[in-house]
Amino acid sequence: VPILTGKFTDEDYQAFYEKTLEPLIITLGQGFSKCLFSL
């Protein structure tokens, strides 16, 4: 709810980052690297 309303603390954002954003960021990095570079 704090992330949804924009009234979040640093701790709220840290939890949102680790739970939701970080796995997505890892997916993006590995997916792009796997395709754009040779072995």
PDB file of all heavy atoms in Angstrom:
ATOM      1  N   VAL A   1       0.822  -1.214   0.000  1.00  0.00           N
ATOM      2  CA  VAL A   1       0.000   0.000   0.000  1.00  0.00           C
ATOM      3  C   VAL A   1       0.859   1.269   0.000  1.00  0.00           C
ATOM      4  O   VAL A   1       0.577   2.207  -0.755  1.00  0.00           O
ATOM      5  CB  VAL A   1      -0.977  -0.014   1.199  1.00  0.00           C
ATOM      6  CG1 VAL A   1      -1.711   1.327   1.316  1.00  0.00           C
ATOM      7  CG2 VAL A   1      -1.982  -1.144   1.055  1.00  0.00           C
ATOM      8  N   PRO A   2       1.928   1.351   0.820  1.00  0.00           N
ATOM      9  CA  PRO A   2       2.762   2.564   0.754  1.00  0.00           C
ATOM     10  C   PRO A   2       3.377   2.801  -0.622  1.00  0.00           C
ATOM     11  O   PRO A   2       3.469   3.944  -1.072  1.00  0.00           O
ATOM     12  CB  PRO A   2       3.853   2.292   1.809  1.00  0.00           C
ATOM     13  CG  PRO A   2       3.226   1.343   2.770  1.00  0.00           C
ATOM     14  CD  PRO A   2       2.347   0.471   1.930  1.00  0.00           C
ATOM     15  N   ILE A   3       3.782   1.737  -1.308  1.00  0.00           N
ATOM     16  CA  ILE A   3       4.331   1.890  -2.662  1.00  0.00           C
ATOM     17  C   ILE A   3       3.240   2.351  -3.612  1.00  0.00           C
ATOM     18  O   ILE A   3       3.461   3.210  -4.488  1.00  0.00           O
ATOM     19  CB  ILE A   3       4.943   0.562  -3.142  1.00  0.00           C
ATOM     20  CG1 ILE A   3       6.140   0.158  -2.268  1.00  0.00           C
ATOM     21  CG2 ILE A   3       5.358   0.655  -4.603  1.00  0.00           C
ATOM     22  CD1 ILE A   3       7.319   1.106  -2.356  1.00  0.00           C
ATOM     23  N   LEU A   4       2.026   1.830  -3.436  1.00  0.00           N
ATOM     24  CA  LEU A   4       0.909   2.189  -4.308  1.00  0.00           C
ATOM     25  C   LEU A   4       0.537   3.660  -4.156  1.00  0.00           C
ATOM     26  O   LEU A   4       0.252   4.352  -5.141  1.00  0.00           O
ATOM     27  CB  LEU A   4      -0.302   1.301  -3.998  1.00  0.00           C
ATOM     28  CG  LEU A   4      -1.521   1.438  -4.909  1.00  0.00           C
ATOM     29  CD1 LEU A   4      -1.212   0.923  -6.295  1.00  0.00           C
ATOM     30  CD2 LEU A   4      -2.713   0.695  -4.320  1.00  0.00           C
ATOM     31  N   THR A   5       0.550   4.152  -2.914  1.00  0.00           N
ATOM     32  CA  THR A   5       0.150   5.538  -2.662  1.00  0.00           C
ATOM     33  C   THR A   5       1.307   6.516  -2.813  1.00  0.00           C
ATOM     34  O   THR A   5       1.090   7.731  -2.878  1.00  0.00           O
ATOM     35  CB  THR A   5      -0.433   5.673  -1.243  1.00  0.00           C
ATOM     36  OG1 THR A   5       0.557   5.268  -0.276  1.00  0.00           O
ATOM     37  CG2 THR A   5      -1.672   4.810  -1.094  1.00  0.00           C
ATOM     38  N   GLY A   6       2.540   5.999  -2.849  1.00  0.00           N
ATOM     39  CA  GLY A   6       3.705   6.874  -2.951  1.00  0.00           C
ATOM     40  C   GLY A   6       4.178   7.423  -1.622  1.00  0.00           C
ATOM     41  O   GLY A   6       5.103   8.240  -1.579  1.00  0.00           O
ATOM     42  N   LYS A   7       3.584   6.972  -0.516  1.00  0.00           N
ATOM     43  CA  LYS A   7       3.973   7.449   0.816  1.00  0.00           C
ATOM     44  C   LYS A   7       4.802   6.373   1.517  1.00  0.00           C
ATOM     45  O   LYS A   7       4.432   5.861   2.572  1.00  0.00           O
ATOM     46  CB  LYS A   7       2.729   7.791   1.639  1.00  0.00           C
ATOM     47  CG  LYS A   7       1.874   8.895   1.021  1.00  0.00           C
ATOM     48  CD  LYS A   7       0.622   9.163   1.841  1.00  0.00           C
ATOM     49  CE  LYS A   7      -0.227  10.256   1.206  1.00  0.00           C
ATOM     50  NZ  LYS A   7      -1.472  10.512   1.985  1.00  0.00           N
ATOM     51  N   PHE A   8       5.933   6.021   0.908  1.00  0.00           N
ATOM     52  CA  PHE A   8       6.733   4.920   1.431  1.00  0.00           C
ATOM     53  C   PHE A   8       7.994   5.434   2.116  1.00  0.00           C
ATOM     54  O   PHE A   8       8.501   6.510   1.807  1.00  0.00           O
ATOM     55  CB  PHE A   8       7.112   3.937   0.316  1.00  0.00           C
ATOM     56  CG  PHE A   8       7.735   4.588  -0.889  1.00  0.00           C
ATOM     57  CD1 PHE A   8       9.092   4.883  -0.923  1.00  0.00           C
ATOM     58  CD2 PHE A   8       6.968   4.915  -1.999  1.00  0.00           C
ATOM     59  CE1 PHE A   8       9.676   5.474  -2.025  1.00  0.00           C
ATOM     60  CE2 PHE A   8       7.532   5.509  -3.113  1.00  0.00           C
ATOM     61  CZ  PHE A   8       8.889   5.781  -3.124  1.00  0.00           C
ATOM     62  N   THR A   9       8.487   4.632   3.052  1.00  0.00           N
ATOM     63  CA  THR A   9       9.759   4.907   3.711  1.00  0.00           C
ATOM     64  C   THR A   9      10.869   4.189   2.958  1.00  0.00           C
ATOM     65  O   THR A   9      10.616   3.408   2.027  1.00  0.00           O
ATOM     66  CB  THR A   9       9.722   4.423   5.159  1.00  0.00           C
ATOM     67  OG1 THR A   9       9.553   2.989   5.161  1.00  0.00           O
ATOM     68  CG2 THR A   9       8.564   5.057   5.928  1.00  0.00           C
ATOM     69  N   ASP A  10      12.111   4.433   3.372  1.00  0.00           N
ATOM     70  CA  ASP A  10      13.229   3.721   2.755  1.00  0.00           C
ATOM     71  C   ASP A  10      13.100   2.216   2.953  1.00  0.00           C
ATOM     72  O   ASP A  10      13.440   1.430   2.067  1.00  0.00           O
ATOM     73  CB  ASP A  10      14.553   4.209   3.357  1.00  0.00           C
ATOM     74  CG  ASP A  10      14.890   5.617   2.901  1.00  0.00           C
ATOM     75  OD1 ASP A  10      14.416   6.011   1.814  1.00  0.00           O
ATOM     76  OD2 ASP A  10      15.609   6.319   3.619  1.00  0.00           O
ATOM     77  N   GLU A  11      12.588   1.824   4.128  1.00  0.00           N
ATOM     78  CA  GLU A  11      12.417   0.392   4.404  1.00  0.00           C
ATOM     79  C   GLU A  11      11.340  -0.216   3.509  1.00  0.00           C
ATOM     80  O   GLU A  11      11.483  -1.353   3.032  1.00  0.00           O
ATOM     81  CB  GLU A  11      12.059   0.192   5.883  1.00  0.00           C
ATOM     82  CG  GLU A  11      13.192   0.448   6.863  1.00  0.00           C
ATOM     83  CD  GLU A  11      13.513   1.932   7.013  1.00  0.00           C
ATOM     84  OE1 GLU A  11      12.616   2.766   6.695  1.00  0.00           O
ATOM     85  OE2 GLU A  11      14.648   2.253   7.410  1.00  0.00           O
ATOM     86  N   ASP A  12      10.256   0.524   3.279  1.00  0.00           N
ATOM     87  CA  ASP A  12       9.192   0.045   2.386  1.00  0.00           C
ATOM     88  C   ASP A  12       9.734  -0.166   0.976  1.00  0.00           C
ATOM     89  O   ASP A  12       9.449  -1.189   0.332  1.00  0.00           O
ATOM     90  CB  ASP A  12       8.029   1.048   2.334  1.00  0.00           C
ATOM     91  CG  ASP A  12       7.280   1.159   3.639  1.00  0.00           C
ATOM     92  OD1 ASP A  12       7.220   0.156   4.368  1.00  0.00           O
ATOM     93  OD2 ASP A  12       6.766   2.254   3.943  1.00  0.00           O
ATOM     94  N   TYR A  13      10.514   0.801   0.504  1.00  0.00           N
ATOM     95  CA  TYR A  13      11.042   0.685  -0.863  1.00  0.00           C
ATOM     96  C   TYR A  13      12.068  -0.431  -0.954  1.00  0.00           C
ATOM     97  O   TYR A  13      12.133  -1.139  -1.966  1.00  0.00           O
ATOM     98  CB  TYR A  13      11.660   2.006  -1.320  1.00  0.00           C
ATOM     99  CG  TYR A  13      12.008   1.993  -2.800  1.00  0.00           C
ATOM    100  CD1 TYR A  13      11.063   2.378  -3.744  1.00  0.00           C
ATOM    101  CD2 TYR A  13      13.249   1.552  -3.233  1.00  0.00           C
ATOM    102  CE1 TYR A  13      11.362   2.338  -5.098  1.00  0.00           C
ATOM    103  CE2 TYR A  13      13.550   1.510  -4.593  1.00  0.00           C
ATOM    104  CZ  TYR A  13      12.611   1.911  -5.509  1.00  0.00           C
ATOM    105  OH  TYR A  13      12.904   1.854  -6.846  1.00  0.00           O
ATOM    106  N   GLN A  14      12.878  -0.593   0.087  1.00  0.00           N
ATOM    107  CA  GLN A  14      13.875  -1.665   0.081  1.00  0.00           C
ATOM    108  C   GLN A  14      13.200  -3.031  -0.031  1.00  0.00           C
ATOM    109  O   GLN A  14      13.645  -3.909  -0.781  1.00  0.00           O
ATOM    110  CB  GLN A  14      14.719  -1.598   1.355  1.00  0.00           C
ATOM    111  CG  GLN A  14      15.892  -2.577   1.393  1.00  0.00           C
ATOM    112  CD  GLN A  14      16.969  -2.219   0.396  1.00  0.00           C
ATOM    113  OE1 GLN A  14      17.104  -1.055   0.015  1.00  0.00           O
ATOM    114  NE2 GLN A  14      17.729  -3.197  -0.042  1.00  0.00           N
ATOM    115  N   ALA A  15      12.091  -3.210   0.711  1.00  0.00           N
ATOM    116  CA  ALA A  15      11.348  -4.473   0.640  1.00  0.00           C
ATOM    117  C   ALA A  15      10.747  -4.670  -0.746  1.00  0.00           C
ATOM    118  O   ALA A  15      10.780  -5.774  -1.304  1.00  0.00           O
ATOM    119  CB  ALA A  15      10.254  -4.486   1.707  1.00  0.00           C
ATOM    120  N   PHE A  16      10.190  -3.613  -1.322  1.00  0.00           N
ATOM    121  CA  PHE A  16       9.617  -3.668  -2.676  1.00  0.00           C
ATOM    122  C   PHE A  16      10.702  -3.999  -3.699  1.00  0.00           C
ATOM    123  O   PHE A  16      10.492  -4.813  -4.608  1.00  0.00           O
ATOM    124  CB  PHE A  16       8.962  -2.314  -2.985  1.00  0.00           C
ATOM    125  CG  PHE A  16       8.492  -2.163  -4.407  1.00  0.00           C
ATOM    126  CD1 PHE A  16       7.561  -3.029  -4.955  1.00  0.00           C
ATOM    127  CD2 PHE A  16       8.974  -1.122  -5.193  1.00  0.00           C
ATOM    128  CE1 PHE A  16       7.125  -2.879  -6.263  1.00  0.00           C
ATOM    129  CE2 PHE A  16       8.542  -0.964  -6.498  1.00  0.00           C
ATOM    130  CZ  PHE A  16       7.618  -1.840  -7.038  1.00  0.00           C
ATOM    131  N   TYR A  17      11.864  -3.387  -3.534  1.00  0.00           N
ATOM    132  CA  TYR A  17      12.975  -3.633  -4.459  1.00  0.00           C
ATOM    133  C   TYR A  17      13.419  -5.094  -4.396  1.00  0.00           C
ATOM    134  O   TYR A  17      13.563  -5.757  -5.435  1.00  0.00           O
ATOM    135  CB  TYR A  17      14.139  -2.702  -4.129  1.00  0.00           C
ATOM    136  CG  TYR A  17      15.368  -2.976  -4.960  1.00  0.00           C
ATOM    137  CD1 TYR A  17      15.475  -2.485  -6.260  1.00  0.00           C
ATOM    138  CD2 TYR A  17      16.416  -3.747  -4.464  1.00  0.00           C
ATOM    139  CE1 TYR A  17      16.597  -2.751  -7.033  1.00  0.00           C
ATOM    140  CE2 TYR A  17      17.540  -4.011  -5.225  1.00  0.00           C
ATOM    141  CZ  TYR A  17      17.627  -3.508  -6.512  1.00  0.00           C
ATOM    142  OH  TYR A  17      18.725  -3.793  -7.278  1.00  0.00           O
ATOM    143  N   GLU A  18      13.634  -5.606  -3.198  1.00  0.00           N
ATOM    144  CA  GLU A  18      14.154  -6.971  -3.064  1.00  0.00           C
ATOM    145  C   GLU A  18      13.122  -8.021  -3.464  1.00  0.00           C
ATOM    146  O   GLU A  18      13.480  -9.055  -4.026  1.00  0.00           O
ATOM    147  CB  GLU A  18      14.620  -7.202  -1.624  1.00  0.00           C
ATOM    148  CG  GLU A  18      15.840  -6.357  -1.246  1.00  0.00           C
ATOM    149  CD  GLU A  18      16.302  -6.603   0.178  1.00  0.00           C
ATOM    150  OE1 GLU A  18      15.679  -7.457   0.863  1.00  0.00           O
ATOM    151  OE2 GLU A  18      17.268  -5.960   0.608  1.00  0.00           O
ATOM    152  N   LYS A  19      11.851  -7.765  -3.185  1.00  0.00           N
ATOM    153  CA  LYS A  19      10.812  -8.767  -3.482  1.00  0.00           C
ATOM    154  C   LYS A  19      10.371  -8.748  -4.939  1.00  0.00           C
ATOM    155  O   LYS A  19      10.194  -9.794  -5.560  1.00  0.00           O
ATOM    156  CB  LYS A  19       9.599  -8.528  -2.573  1.00  0.00           C
ATOM    157  CG  LYS A  19       8.408  -9.436  -2.869  1.00  0.00           C
ATOM    158  CD  LYS A  19       7.265  -9.144  -1.937  1.00  0.00           C
ATOM    159  CE  LYS A  19       6.007  -9.927  -2.322  1.00  0.00           C
ATOM    160  NZ  LYS A  19       6.202 -11.371  -2.362  1.00  0.00           N
ATOM    161  N   THR A  20      10.218  -7.550  -5.523  1.00  0.00           N
ATOM    162  CA  THR A  20       9.581  -7.423  -6.840  1.00  0.00           C
ATOM    163  C   THR A  20      10.538  -6.974  -7.929  1.00  0.00           C
ATOM    164  O   THR A  20      10.571  -7.556  -9.019  1.00  0.00           O
ATOM    165  CB  THR A  20       8.398  -6.443  -6.753  1.00  0.00           C
ATOM    166  OG1 THR A  20       7.510  -6.885  -5.719  1.00  0.00           O
ATOM    167  CG2 THR A  20       7.651  -6.368  -8.067  1.00  0.00           C
ATOM    168  N   LEU A  21      11.323  -5.937  -7.667  1.00  0.00           N
ATOM    169  CA  LEU A  21      12.145  -5.353  -8.718  1.00  0.00           C
ATOM    170  C   LEU A  21      13.425  -6.133  -8.969  1.00  0.00           C
ATOM    171  O   LEU A  21      13.815  -6.334 -10.129  1.00  0.00           O
ATOM    172  CB  LEU A  21      12.487  -3.897  -8.378  1.00  0.00           C
ATOM    173  CG  LEU A  21      11.319  -2.922  -8.236  1.00  0.00           C
ATOM    174  CD1 LEU A  21      11.837  -1.524  -7.968  1.00  0.00           C
ATOM    175  CD2 LEU A  21      10.448  -2.936  -9.484  1.00  0.00           C
ATOM    176  N   GLU A  22      14.095  -6.564  -7.922  1.00  0.00           N
ATOM    177  CA  GLU A  22      15.396  -7.202  -8.098  1.00  0.00           C
ATOM    178  C   GLU A  22      15.342  -8.469  -8.950  1.00  0.00           C
ATOM    179  O   GLU A  22      16.171  -8.652  -9.851  1.00  0.00           O
ATOM    180  CB  GLU A  22      16.032  -7.502  -6.738  1.00  0.00           C
ATOM    181  CG  GLU A  22      17.490  -7.929  -6.833  1.00  0.00           C
ATOM    182  CD  GLU A  22      18.151  -8.049  -5.479  1.00  0.00           C
ATOM    183  OE1 GLU A  22      17.442  -8.340  -4.493  1.00  0.00           O
ATOM    184  OE2 GLU A  22      19.377  -7.870  -5.404  1.00  0.00           O
ATOM    185  N   PRO A  23      14.370  -9.386  -8.730  1.00  0.00           N
ATOM    186  CA  PRO A  23      14.287 -10.552  -9.628  1.00  0.00           C
ATOM    187  C   PRO A  23      14.064 -10.154 -11.086  1.00  0.00           C
ATOM    188  O   PRO A  23      14.593 -10.797 -11.993  1.00  0.00           O
ATOM    189  CB  PRO A  23      13.082 -11.334  -9.076  1.00  0.00           C
ATOM    190  CG  PRO A  23      12.955 -10.901  -7.659  1.00  0.00           C
ATOM    191  CD  PRO A  23      13.373  -9.470  -7.637  1.00  0.00           C
ATOM    192  N   LEU A  24      13.290  -9.083 -11.297  1.00  0.00           N
ATOM    193  CA  LEU A  24      13.027  -8.608 -12.646  1.00  0.00           C
ATOM    194  C   LEU A  24      14.294  -8.026 -13.278  1.00  0.00           C
ATOM    195  O   LEU A  24      14.575  -8.247 -14.464  1.00  0.00           O
ATOM    196  CB  LEU A  24      11.918  -7.561 -12.605  1.00  0.00           C
ATOM    197  CG  LEU A  24      11.242  -7.156 -13.904  1.00  0.00           C
ATOM    198  CD1 LEU A  24      10.778  -8.375 -14.697  1.00  0.00           C
ATOM    199  CD2 LEU A  24      10.063  -6.233 -13.613  1.00  0.00           C
ATOM    200  N   ILE A  25      15.074  -7.310 -12.493  1.00  0.00           N
ATOM    201  CA  ILE A  25      16.329  -6.735 -12.979  1.00  0.00           C
ATOM    202  C   ILE A  25      17.317  -7.836 -13.353  1.00  0.00           C
ATOM    203  O   ILE A  25      18.008  -7.757 -14.371  1.00  0.00           O
ATOM    204  CB  ILE A  25      16.924  -5.796 -11.911  1.00  0.00           C
ATOM    205  CG1 ILE A  25      16.033  -4.557 -11.747  1.00  0.00           C
ATOM    206  CG2 ILE A  25      18.340  -5.368 -12.277  1.00  0.00           C
ATOM    207  CD1 ILE A  25      16.399  -3.682 -10.571  1.00  0.00           C
ATOM    208  N   ILE A  26      17.374  -8.890 -12.539  1.00  0.00           N
ATOM    209  CA  ILE A  26      18.249 -10.025 -12.844  1.00  0.00           C
ATOM    210  C   ILE A  26      17.804 -10.707 -14.137  1.00  0.00           C
ATOM    211  O   ILE A  26      18.625 -11.066 -14.988  1.00  0.00           O
ATOM    212  CB  ILE A  26      18.255 -11.030 -11.671  1.00  0.00           C
ATOM    213  CG1 ILE A  26      18.915 -10.393 -10.437  1.00  0.00           C
ATOM    214  CG2 ILE A  26      18.977 -12.315 -12.054  1.00  0.00           C
ATOM    215  CD1 ILE A  26      18.800 -11.228  -9.183  1.00  0.00           C
ATOM    216  N   THR A  27      16.483 -10.866 -14.307  1.00  0.00           N
ATOM    217  CA  THR A  27      15.945 -11.472 -15.527  1.00  0.00           C
ATOM    218  C   THR A  27      16.341 -10.664 -16.759  1.00  0.00           C
ATOM    219  O   THR A  27      16.760 -11.221 -17.780  1.00  0.00           O
ATOM    220  CB  THR A  27      14.410 -11.565 -15.434  1.00  0.00           C
ATOM    221  OG1 THR A  27      14.057 -12.426 -14.363  1.00  0.00           O
ATOM    222  CG2 THR A  27      13.817 -12.110 -16.718  1.00  0.00           C
ATOM    223  N   LEU A  28      16.211  -9.342 -16.665  1.00  0.00           N
ATOM    224  CA  LEU A  28      16.573  -8.480 -17.789  1.00  0.00           C
ATOM    225  C   LEU A  28      18.053  -8.615 -18.132  1.00  0.00           C
ATOM    226  O   LEU A  28      18.422  -8.796 -19.299  1.00  0.00           O
ATOM    227  CB  LEU A  28      16.247  -7.021 -17.458  1.00  0.00           C
ATOM    228  CG  LEU A  28      14.771  -6.633 -17.396  1.00  0.00           C
ATOM    229  CD1 LEU A  28      14.600  -5.256 -16.763  1.00  0.00           C
ATOM    230  CD2 LEU A  28      14.142  -6.658 -18.781  1.00  0.00           C
ATOM    231  N   GLY A  29      18.911  -8.539 -17.133  1.00  0.00           N
ATOM    232  CA  GLY A  29      20.349  -8.602 -17.375  1.00  0.00           C
ATOM    233  C   GLY A  29      20.785  -9.914 -18.000  1.00  0.00           C
ATOM    234  O   GLY A  29      21.538  -9.936 -18.981  1.00  0.00           O
ATOM    235  N   GLN A  30      20.297 -11.026 -17.444  1.00  0.00           N
ATOM    236  CA  GLN A  30      20.708 -12.332 -17.957  1.00  0.00           C
ATOM    237  C   GLN A  30      20.110 -12.607 -19.333  1.00  0.00           C
ATOM    238  O   GLN A  30      20.762 -13.199 -20.193  1.00  0.00           O
ATOM    239  CB  GLN A  30      20.293 -13.422 -16.963  1.00  0.00           C
ATOM    240  CG  GLN A  30      21.061 -13.349 -15.650  1.00  0.00           C
ATOM    241  CD  GLN A  30      20.644 -14.424 -14.662  1.00  0.00           C
ATOM    242  OE1 GLN A  30      19.670 -15.155 -14.876  1.00  0.00           O
ATOM    243  NE2 GLN A  30      21.376 -14.526 -13.567  1.00  0.00           N
ATOM    244  N   GLY A  31      18.849 -12.177 -19.558  1.00  0.00           N
ATOM    245  CA  GLY A  31      18.216 -12.404 -20.851  1.00  0.00           C
ATOM    246  C   GLY A  31      18.907 -11.638 -21.969  1.00  0.00           C
ATOM    247  O   GLY A  31      19.153 -12.185 -23.055  1.00  0.00           O
ATOM    248  N   PHE A  32      19.251 -10.379 -21.730  1.00  0.00           N
ATOM    249  CA  PHE A  32      19.947  -9.575 -22.732  1.00  0.00           C
ATOM    250  C   PHE A  32      21.360 -10.108 -22.979  1.00  0.00           C
ATOM    251  O   PHE A  32      21.810 -10.202 -24.122  1.00  0.00           O
ATOM    252  CB  PHE A  32      20.001  -8.111 -22.292  1.00  0.00           C
ATOM    253  CG  PHE A  32      18.787  -7.318 -22.668  1.00  0.00           C
ATOM    254  CD1 PHE A  32      17.565  -7.547 -22.045  1.00  0.00           C
ATOM    255  CD2 PHE A  32      18.855  -6.334 -23.637  1.00  0.00           C
ATOM    256  CE1 PHE A  32      16.441  -6.813 -22.387  1.00  0.00           C
ATOM    257  CE2 PHE A  32      17.738  -5.585 -23.988  1.00  0.00           C
ATOM    258  CZ  PHE A  32      16.519  -5.831 -23.364  1.00  0.00           C
ATOM    259  N   SER A  33      22.066 -10.448 -21.911  1.00  0.00           N
ATOM    260  CA  SER A  33      23.452 -10.928 -22.050  1.00  0.00           C
ATOM    261  C   SER A  33      23.510 -12.237 -22.829  1.00  0.00           C
ATOM    262  O   SER A  33      24.374 -12.424 -23.689  1.00  0.00           O
ATOM    263  CB  SER A  33      24.079 -11.110 -20.661  1.00  0.00           C
ATOM    264  OG  SER A  33      24.102  -9.896 -19.941  1.00  0.00           O
ATOM    265  N   LYS A  34      22.585 -13.140 -22.543  1.00  0.00           N
ATOM    266  CA  LYS A  34      22.573 -14.448 -23.196  1.00  0.00           C
ATOM    267  C   LYS A  34      22.412 -14.330 -24.707  1.00  0.00           C
ATOM    268  O   LYS A  34      23.005 -15.092 -25.475  1.00  0.00           O
ATOM    269  CB  LYS A  34      21.442 -15.291 -22.605  1.00  0.00           C
ATOM    270  CG  LYS A  34      21.213 -16.641 -23.271  1.00  0.00           C
ATOM    271  CD  LYS A  34      20.092 -17.377 -22.576  1.00  0.00           C
ATOM    272  CE  LYS A  34      19.771 -18.691 -23.270  1.00  0.00           C
ATOM    273  NZ  LYS A  34      19.165 -18.498 -24.593  1.00  0.00           N
ATOM    274  N   CYS A  35      21.596 -13.346 -25.144  1.00  0.00           N
ATOM    275  CA  CYS A  35      21.313 -13.209 -26.571  1.00  0.00           C
ATOM    276  C   CYS A  35      22.349 -12.359 -27.298  1.00  0.00           C
ATOM    277  O   CYS A  35      22.732 -12.682 -28.428  1.00  0.00           O
ATOM    278  CB  CYS A  35      19.918 -12.610 -26.765  1.00  0.00           C
ATOM    279  SG  CYS A  35      19.471 -12.321 -28.489  1.00  0.00           S
ATOM    280  N   LEU A  36      22.803 -11.290 -26.675  1.00  0.00           N
ATOM    281  CA  LEU A  36      23.631 -10.311 -27.383  1.00  0.00           C
ATOM    282  C   LEU A  36      25.105 -10.706 -27.482  1.00  0.00           C
ATOM    283  O   LEU A  36      25.835 -10.152 -28.308  1.00  0.00           O
ATOM    284  CB  LEU A  36      23.518  -8.936 -26.710  1.00  0.00           C
ATOM    285  CG  LEU A  36      22.128  -8.288 -26.718  1.00  0.00           C
ATOM    286  CD1 LEU A  36      22.166  -6.941 -26.018  1.00  0.00           C
ATOM    287  CD2 LEU A  36      21.600  -8.132 -28.143  1.00  0.00           C
ATOM    288  N   PHE A  37      25.555 -11.666 -26.663  1.00  0.00           N
ATOM    289  CA  PHE A  37      26.972 -12.019 -26.664  1.00  0.00           C
ATOM    290  C   PHE A  37      27.162 -13.501 -26.974  1.00  0.00           C
ATOM    291  O   PHE A  37      26.352 -14.345 -26.583  1.00  0.00           O
ATOM    292  CB  PHE A  37      27.613 -11.707 -25.302  1.00  0.00           C
ATOM    293  CG  PHE A  37      27.510 -10.256 -24.920  1.00  0.00           C
ATOM    294  CD1 PHE A  37      26.788  -9.873 -23.799  1.00  0.00           C
ATOM    295  CD2 PHE A  37      28.125  -9.271 -25.681  1.00  0.00           C
ATOM    296  CE1 PHE A  37      26.684  -8.550 -23.441  1.00  0.00           C
ATOM    297  CE2 PHE A  37      28.031  -7.932 -25.321  1.00  0.00           C
ATOM    298  CZ  PHE A  37      27.302  -7.572 -24.208  1.00  0.00           C
ATOM    299  N   SER A  38      28.254 -13.781 -27.666  1.00  0.00           N
ATOM    300  CA  SER A  38      28.614 -15.177 -27.937  1.00  0.00           C
ATOM    301  C   SER A  38      29.210 -15.789 -26.671  1.00  0.00           C
ATOM    302  O   SER A  38      29.499 -15.090 -25.690  1.00  0.00           O
ATOM    303  CB  SER A  38      29.631 -15.231 -29.080  1.00  0.00           C
ATOM    304  OG  SER A  38      30.852 -14.602 -28.679  1.00  0.00           O
ATOM    305  N   LEU A  39      29.401 -17.105 -26.703  1.00  0.00           N
ATOM    306  CA  LEU A  39      29.982 -17.783 -25.538  1.00  0.00           C
ATOM    307  C   LEU A  39      31.383 -17.244 -25.240  1.00  0.00           C
ATOM    308  O   LEU A  39      31.767 -17.081 -24.079  1.00  0.00           O
ATOM    309  CB  LEU A  39      30.031 -19.295 -25.788  1.00  0.00           C
ATOM    310  CG  LEU A  39      28.680 -20.012 -25.863  1.00  0.00           C
ATOM    311  CD1 LEU A  39      28.887 -21.489 -26.170  1.00  0.00           C
ATOM    312  CD2 LEU A  39      27.905 -19.840 -24.552  1.00  0.00           C
TER     313      LEU A  39
END
